[in-house]
Amino acid sequence: SFNLINILKFHKENNAMATVGVRSYELNVPFGVISKKGIELDSFHEKPSFSYLVNTGIYVLNPDALSYIPSDKYIDMPNLLEKIKSKRKKVVVCPIHEYWLDVGRPESLEKANNDWIVS
C-alpha cells in the first residue's frame, strides 16, 4: 500500500544520488538473555526486544548512478550503494510506514497472497 510518489519526492527533496526504502523491524527474543565475563554473570535481560531498520528492496536511483555499474560484471544493490557512497555521493534512507511484506520466503508469499485476496 506504499505510494511510490512518496519515495520519489523524498529522493528529490533530499538531493540524493540513491534512496533506499527502509522499514522498522522488531525482533523479540522469547527468553532471558545472559551476558557474561568469563564464567561470571555480567547482566541478565528478560525477553529483550531489538529494533532495526531493514531494507525493503525499494530503491530510487538518479540516472547518473548507473555509471557506477560495471558493464562487464555482476554487482548487487548493497555493493552498488557502497560504491556510490565511496565516491562521496549522497545515499539516503526513506522510512516506509505503510503495509510492506518481504515475499522472499514461501510463508511470507503465502501471507501476502492471503492479505491481498479480493473477494
N, C-alpha and C. Protein backbone atom coordinates (compact mmCIF):
# COMPACT_ATOMS: atom_id res chain seq x y z
N SER A 1 0.81 -1.21 0.00
CA SER A 1 0.00 0.00 0.00
C SER A 1 0.85 1.26 0.00
N PHE A 2 2.15 1.10 -0.19
CA PHE A 2 3.05 2.25 -0.22
C PHE A 2 2.91 2.99 -1.55
N ASN A 3 2.74 4.30 -1.46
CA ASN A 3 2.63 5.13 -2.66
C ASN A 3 4.05 5.51 -3.10
N LEU A 4 4.47 5.02 -4.26
CA LEU A 4 5.83 5.26 -4.74
C LEU A 4 6.14 6.74 -4.95
N ILE A 5 5.11 7.56 -5.14
CA ILE A 5 5.34 9.00 -5.29
C ILE A 5 6.03 9.55 -4.04
N ASN A 6 5.72 8.98 -2.87
CA ASN A 6 6.33 9.46 -1.62
C ASN A 6 7.85 9.31 -1.62
N ILE A 7 8.34 8.16 -2.05
CA ILE A 7 9.79 7.94 -2.04
C ILE A 7 10.46 8.78 -3.14
N LEU A 8 9.77 8.99 -4.26
CA LEU A 8 10.33 9.85 -5.31
C LEU A 8 10.47 11.29 -4.82
N LYS A 9 9.44 11.79 -4.12
CA LYS A 9 9.51 13.13 -3.54
C LYS A 9 10.64 13.23 -2.51
N PHE A 10 10.72 12.22 -1.64
CA PHE A 10 11.76 12.19 -0.60
C PHE A 10 13.15 12.23 -1.25
N HIS A 11 13.34 11.44 -2.28
CA HIS A 11 14.61 11.37 -3.01
C HIS A 11 14.98 12.76 -3.57
N LYS A 12 14.03 13.38 -4.22
CA LYS A 12 14.27 14.69 -4.84
C LYS A 12 14.50 15.77 -3.79
N GLU A 13 13.66 15.79 -2.74
CA GLU A 13 13.80 16.80 -1.68
C GLU A 13 15.15 16.72 -0.97
N ASN A 14 15.73 15.52 -0.92
CA ASN A 14 16.99 15.33 -0.21
C ASN A 14 18.20 15.34 -1.15
N ASN A 15 17.95 15.65 -2.42
CA ASN A 15 19.03 15.78 -3.40
C ASN A 15 19.99 14.59 -3.34
N ALA A 16 19.42 13.40 -3.38
CA ALA A 16 20.21 12.17 -3.21
C ALA A 16 20.58 11.57 -4.56
N MET A 17 21.69 10.85 -4.56
CA MET A 17 22.08 10.05 -5.74
C MET A 17 21.29 8.74 -5.71
N ALA A 18 21.06 8.23 -4.46
CA ALA A 18 20.31 6.98 -4.30
C ALA A 18 19.49 7.05 -3.02
N THR A 19 18.33 6.42 -3.06
CA THR A 19 17.45 6.35 -1.89
C THR A 19 17.05 4.89 -1.70
N VAL A 20 17.08 4.45 -0.44
CA VAL A 20 16.69 3.09 -0.08
C VAL A 20 15.45 3.17 0.81
N GLY A 21 14.42 2.44 0.45
CA GLY A 21 13.24 2.34 1.31
C GLY A 21 13.56 1.42 2.47
N VAL A 22 13.25 1.88 3.68
CA VAL A 22 13.52 1.08 4.88
C VAL A 22 12.27 0.99 5.75
N ARG A 23 12.26 -0.03 6.54
CA ARG A 23 11.13 -0.25 7.45
C ARG A 23 11.67 -0.71 8.79
N SER A 24 11.00 -0.31 9.85
CA SER A 24 11.39 -0.75 11.18
C SER A 24 10.97 -2.20 11.37
N TYR A 25 11.87 -2.99 11.92
CA TYR A 25 11.60 -4.41 12.17
C TYR A 25 12.01 -4.71 13.60
N GLU A 26 11.09 -5.26 14.36
CA GLU A 26 11.37 -5.58 15.76
C GLU A 26 11.56 -7.08 15.93
N LEU A 27 12.62 -7.41 16.61
CA LEU A 27 12.94 -8.80 16.89
C LEU A 27 12.77 -9.03 18.39
N ASN A 28 11.87 -9.92 18.76
CA ASN A 28 11.61 -10.22 20.17
C ASN A 28 12.25 -11.56 20.52
N VAL A 29 13.08 -11.56 21.52
CA VAL A 29 13.70 -12.80 21.99
C VAL A 29 12.79 -13.35 23.09
N PRO A 30 12.29 -14.57 22.93
CA PRO A 30 11.32 -15.10 23.89
C PRO A 30 11.94 -15.66 25.16
N PHE A 31 13.23 -15.41 25.37
CA PHE A 31 13.94 -15.93 26.53
C PHE A 31 14.72 -14.82 27.20
N GLY A 32 15.15 -15.07 28.43
CA GLY A 32 16.07 -14.16 29.08
C GLY A 32 17.44 -14.28 28.43
N VAL A 33 18.08 -13.15 28.16
CA VAL A 33 19.38 -13.14 27.50
C VAL A 33 20.45 -12.81 28.53
N ILE A 34 21.48 -13.63 28.55
CA ILE A 34 22.57 -13.52 29.52
C ILE A 34 23.81 -12.95 28.84
N SER A 35 24.47 -12.02 29.50
CA SER A 35 25.81 -11.59 29.11
C SER A 35 26.75 -12.05 30.21
N LYS A 36 27.96 -12.44 29.82
CA LYS A 36 28.91 -12.94 30.81
C LYS A 36 30.28 -12.38 30.58
N LYS A 37 31.07 -12.41 31.61
CA LYS A 37 32.50 -12.09 31.53
C LYS A 37 33.20 -13.33 32.05
N GLY A 38 33.86 -14.03 31.13
CA GLY A 38 34.42 -15.33 31.51
C GLY A 38 33.27 -16.25 31.84
N ILE A 39 33.27 -16.78 33.09
CA ILE A 39 32.16 -17.65 33.51
C ILE A 39 31.21 -16.92 34.47
N GLU A 40 31.47 -15.62 34.72
CA GLU A 40 30.62 -14.88 35.67
C GLU A 40 29.52 -14.11 34.94
N LEU A 41 28.36 -14.08 35.57
CA LEU A 41 27.22 -13.33 35.04
C LEU A 41 27.54 -11.85 35.02
N ASP A 42 27.35 -11.23 33.85
CA ASP A 42 27.54 -9.79 33.73
C ASP A 42 26.20 -9.08 33.81
N SER A 43 25.21 -9.56 33.01
CA SER A 43 23.88 -8.96 33.05
C SER A 43 22.85 -9.98 32.58
N PHE A 44 21.62 -9.67 32.90
CA PHE A 44 20.50 -10.54 32.57
C PHE A 44 19.37 -9.64 32.06
N HIS A 45 18.91 -9.87 30.83
CA HIS A 45 17.81 -9.09 30.26
C HIS A 45 16.67 -10.04 29.92
N GLU A 46 15.55 -9.87 30.59
CA GLU A 46 14.41 -10.76 30.39
C GLU A 46 13.65 -10.38 29.12
N LYS A 47 13.59 -11.33 28.20
CA LYS A 47 12.82 -11.21 26.94
C LYS A 47 13.03 -9.85 26.25
N PRO A 48 14.25 -9.55 25.86
CA PRO A 48 14.51 -8.24 25.24
C PRO A 48 13.95 -8.14 23.81
N SER A 49 13.76 -6.90 23.39
CA SER A 49 13.36 -6.60 22.02
C SER A 49 14.44 -5.74 21.39
N PHE A 50 14.69 -5.98 20.12
CA PHE A 50 15.67 -5.21 19.36
C PHE A 50 14.97 -4.64 18.14
N SER A 51 15.22 -3.39 17.82
CA SER A 51 14.61 -2.74 16.68
C SER A 51 15.69 -2.40 15.65
N TYR A 52 15.43 -2.74 14.39
CA TYR A 52 16.37 -2.49 13.31
C TYR A 52 15.64 -1.85 12.14
N LEU A 53 16.37 -1.10 11.33
CA LEU A 53 15.84 -0.67 10.05
C LEU A 53 16.26 -1.71 9.02
N VAL A 54 15.29 -2.22 8.27
CA VAL A 54 15.59 -3.24 7.27
C VAL A 54 15.29 -2.71 5.88
N ASN A 55 16.02 -3.24 4.92
CA ASN A 55 15.88 -2.87 3.53
C ASN A 55 14.59 -3.48 2.97
N THR A 56 13.76 -2.64 2.34
CA THR A 56 12.51 -3.14 1.76
C THR A 56 12.68 -3.61 0.31
N GLY A 57 13.85 -3.34 -0.27
CA GLY A 57 14.06 -3.68 -1.67
C GLY A 57 13.46 -2.66 -2.62
N ILE A 58 13.12 -1.48 -2.09
CA ILE A 58 12.59 -0.39 -2.91
C ILE A 58 13.69 0.67 -3.01
N TYR A 59 14.10 0.99 -4.23
CA TYR A 59 15.21 1.92 -4.45
C TYR A 59 14.82 2.99 -5.46
N VAL A 60 15.42 4.16 -5.31
CA VAL A 60 15.35 5.20 -6.32
C VAL A 60 16.79 5.60 -6.61
N LEU A 61 17.14 5.61 -7.89
CA LEU A 61 18.49 5.99 -8.31
C LEU A 61 18.41 7.11 -9.33
N ASN A 62 19.31 8.08 -9.19
CA ASN A 62 19.47 9.08 -10.25
C ASN A 62 20.04 8.36 -11.47
N PRO A 63 19.75 8.84 -12.65
CA PRO A 63 20.34 8.22 -13.84
C PRO A 63 21.87 8.16 -13.78
N ASP A 64 22.50 9.16 -13.15
CA ASP A 64 23.97 9.17 -13.01
C ASP A 64 24.48 7.97 -12.22
N ALA A 65 23.65 7.41 -11.35
CA ALA A 65 24.07 6.26 -10.53
C ALA A 65 24.39 5.05 -11.40
N LEU A 66 23.78 5.00 -12.59
CA LEU A 66 24.02 3.87 -13.48
C LEU A 66 25.47 3.81 -13.96
N SER A 67 26.15 4.93 -13.91
CA SER A 67 27.56 4.95 -14.34
C SER A 67 28.46 4.19 -13.37
N TYR A 68 27.96 3.88 -12.19
CA TYR A 68 28.73 3.11 -11.21
C TYR A 68 28.56 1.60 -11.36
N ILE A 69 27.74 1.20 -12.31
CA ILE A 69 27.52 -0.22 -12.57
C ILE A 69 28.51 -0.68 -13.63
N PRO A 70 29.38 -1.63 -13.29
CA PRO A 70 30.34 -2.11 -14.30
C PRO A 70 29.61 -2.82 -15.44
N SER A 71 30.09 -2.64 -16.65
CA SER A 71 29.43 -3.24 -17.81
C SER A 71 29.80 -4.71 -17.98
N ASP A 72 30.88 -5.13 -17.32
CA ASP A 72 31.39 -6.48 -17.57
C ASP A 72 31.26 -7.45 -16.40
N LYS A 73 30.60 -7.02 -15.30
CA LYS A 73 30.43 -7.96 -14.19
C LYS A 73 29.21 -7.62 -13.36
N TYR A 74 28.78 -8.61 -12.59
CA TYR A 74 27.61 -8.50 -11.74
C TYR A 74 27.90 -7.61 -10.53
N ILE A 75 26.91 -6.78 -10.16
CA ILE A 75 27.00 -6.01 -8.91
C ILE A 75 25.61 -6.00 -8.30
N ASP A 76 25.52 -6.28 -7.01
CA ASP A 76 24.22 -6.24 -6.34
C ASP A 76 23.99 -4.85 -5.74
N MET A 77 22.77 -4.60 -5.28
CA MET A 77 22.43 -3.27 -4.78
C MET A 77 23.28 -2.85 -3.58
N PRO A 78 23.48 -3.71 -2.57
CA PRO A 78 24.33 -3.25 -1.45
C PRO A 78 25.71 -2.80 -1.91
N ASN A 79 26.31 -3.54 -2.83
CA ASN A 79 27.64 -3.15 -3.34
C ASN A 79 27.57 -1.88 -4.18
N LEU A 80 26.52 -1.73 -4.96
CA LEU A 80 26.37 -0.52 -5.74
C LEU A 80 26.22 0.69 -4.82
N LEU A 81 25.39 0.56 -3.79
CA LEU A 81 25.20 1.67 -2.85
C LEU A 81 26.49 2.02 -2.13
N GLU A 82 27.26 1.01 -1.75
CA GLU A 82 28.56 1.26 -1.11
C GLU A 82 29.51 1.96 -2.07
N LYS A 83 29.47 1.57 -3.33
CA LYS A 83 30.33 2.20 -4.33
C LYS A 83 29.96 3.67 -4.51
N ILE A 84 28.66 3.94 -4.56
CA ILE A 84 28.18 5.32 -4.69
C ILE A 84 28.62 6.14 -3.47
N LYS A 85 28.46 5.57 -2.28
CA LYS A 85 28.88 6.25 -1.05
C LYS A 85 30.39 6.50 -1.05
N SER A 86 31.16 5.55 -1.54
CA SER A 86 32.62 5.69 -1.53
C SER A 86 33.07 6.86 -2.42
N LYS A 87 32.21 7.25 -3.36
CA LYS A 87 32.51 8.40 -4.23
C LYS A 87 31.94 9.69 -3.63
N ARG A 88 31.55 9.61 -2.35
CA ARG A 88 31.02 10.75 -1.59
C ARG A 88 29.72 11.31 -2.19
N LYS A 89 28.95 10.42 -2.79
CA LYS A 89 27.63 10.80 -3.29
C LYS A 89 26.60 10.46 -2.21
N LYS A 90 25.52 11.19 -2.20
CA LYS A 90 24.53 11.09 -1.14
C LYS A 90 23.60 9.89 -1.34
N VAL A 91 23.59 9.00 -0.33
CA VAL A 91 22.67 7.86 -0.29
C VAL A 91 21.84 8.04 0.98
N VAL A 92 20.52 8.10 0.82
CA VAL A 92 19.63 8.34 1.96
C VAL A 92 18.67 7.18 2.14
N VAL A 93 18.06 7.13 3.31
CA VAL A 93 17.05 6.10 3.59
C VAL A 93 15.71 6.78 3.83
N CYS A 94 14.69 6.23 3.24
CA CYS A 94 13.33 6.76 3.34
C CYS A 94 12.47 5.78 4.14
N PRO A 95 11.94 6.21 5.29
CA PRO A 95 11.10 5.30 6.08
C PRO A 95 9.77 5.00 5.39
N ILE A 96 9.40 3.75 5.46
CA ILE A 96 8.11 3.31 4.90
C ILE A 96 7.27 2.82 6.07
N HIS A 97 6.13 3.47 6.26
CA HIS A 97 5.26 3.12 7.39
C HIS A 97 4.03 2.32 6.95
N GLU A 98 3.77 2.32 5.65
CA GLU A 98 2.61 1.61 5.14
C GLU A 98 2.86 0.10 5.14
N TYR A 99 1.83 -0.65 4.76
CA TYR A 99 1.94 -2.10 4.67
C TYR A 99 3.07 -2.48 3.73
N TRP A 100 3.93 -3.36 4.21
CA TRP A 100 5.03 -3.90 3.41
C TRP A 100 5.33 -5.30 3.94
N LEU A 101 5.60 -6.21 3.05
CA LEU A 101 5.92 -7.57 3.44
C LEU A 101 6.94 -8.14 2.47
N ASP A 102 8.02 -8.68 2.99
CA ASP A 102 9.02 -9.33 2.16
C ASP A 102 8.44 -10.64 1.67
N VAL A 103 8.47 -10.87 0.36
CA VAL A 103 7.91 -12.11 -0.18
C VAL A 103 9.00 -13.07 -0.62
N GLY A 104 10.18 -12.96 -0.03
CA GLY A 104 11.30 -13.82 -0.37
C GLY A 104 11.27 -15.18 0.28
N ARG A 105 10.34 -15.40 1.20
CA ARG A 105 10.20 -16.72 1.84
C ARG A 105 8.80 -17.25 1.53
N PRO A 106 8.67 -18.56 1.34
CA PRO A 106 7.36 -19.12 0.97
C PRO A 106 6.23 -18.73 1.92
N GLU A 107 6.49 -18.74 3.23
CA GLU A 107 5.41 -18.41 4.18
C GLU A 107 5.00 -16.93 4.07
N SER A 108 5.94 -16.06 3.74
CA SER A 108 5.62 -14.64 3.57
C SER A 108 4.84 -14.42 2.27
N LEU A 109 5.22 -15.13 1.23
CA LEU A 109 4.49 -15.02 -0.04
C LEU A 109 3.05 -15.49 0.14
N GLU A 110 2.87 -16.59 0.87
CA GLU A 110 1.51 -17.08 1.15
C GLU A 110 0.71 -16.05 1.95
N LYS A 111 1.34 -15.42 2.94
CA LYS A 111 0.67 -14.38 3.73
C LYS A 111 0.27 -13.22 2.84
N ALA A 112 1.18 -12.79 1.97
CA ALA A 112 0.86 -11.68 1.06
C ALA A 112 -0.31 -12.04 0.16
N ASN A 113 -0.31 -13.26 -0.37
CA ASN A 113 -1.42 -13.70 -1.21
C ASN A 113 -2.73 -13.67 -0.43
N ASN A 114 -2.71 -14.15 0.82
CA ASN A 114 -3.91 -14.16 1.65
C ASN A 114 -4.36 -12.75 2.02
N ASP A 115 -3.38 -11.86 2.30
CA ASP A 115 -3.71 -10.48 2.67
C ASP A 115 -4.36 -9.73 1.52
N TRP A 116 -4.02 -10.10 0.28
CA TRP A 116 -4.48 -9.33 -0.87
C TRP A 116 -5.55 -10.04 -1.69
N ILE A 117 -6.13 -11.12 -1.15
CA ILE A 117 -7.21 -11.80 -1.86
C ILE A 117 -8.41 -10.85 -1.96
N VAL A 118 -8.88 -10.68 -3.16
CA VAL A 118 -10.04 -9.82 -3.39
C VAL A 118 -11.27 -10.69 -3.44
N SER A 119 -12.23 -10.42 -2.54
CA SER A 119 -13.43 -11.24 -2.54
C SER A 119 -14.51 -10.66 -3.40
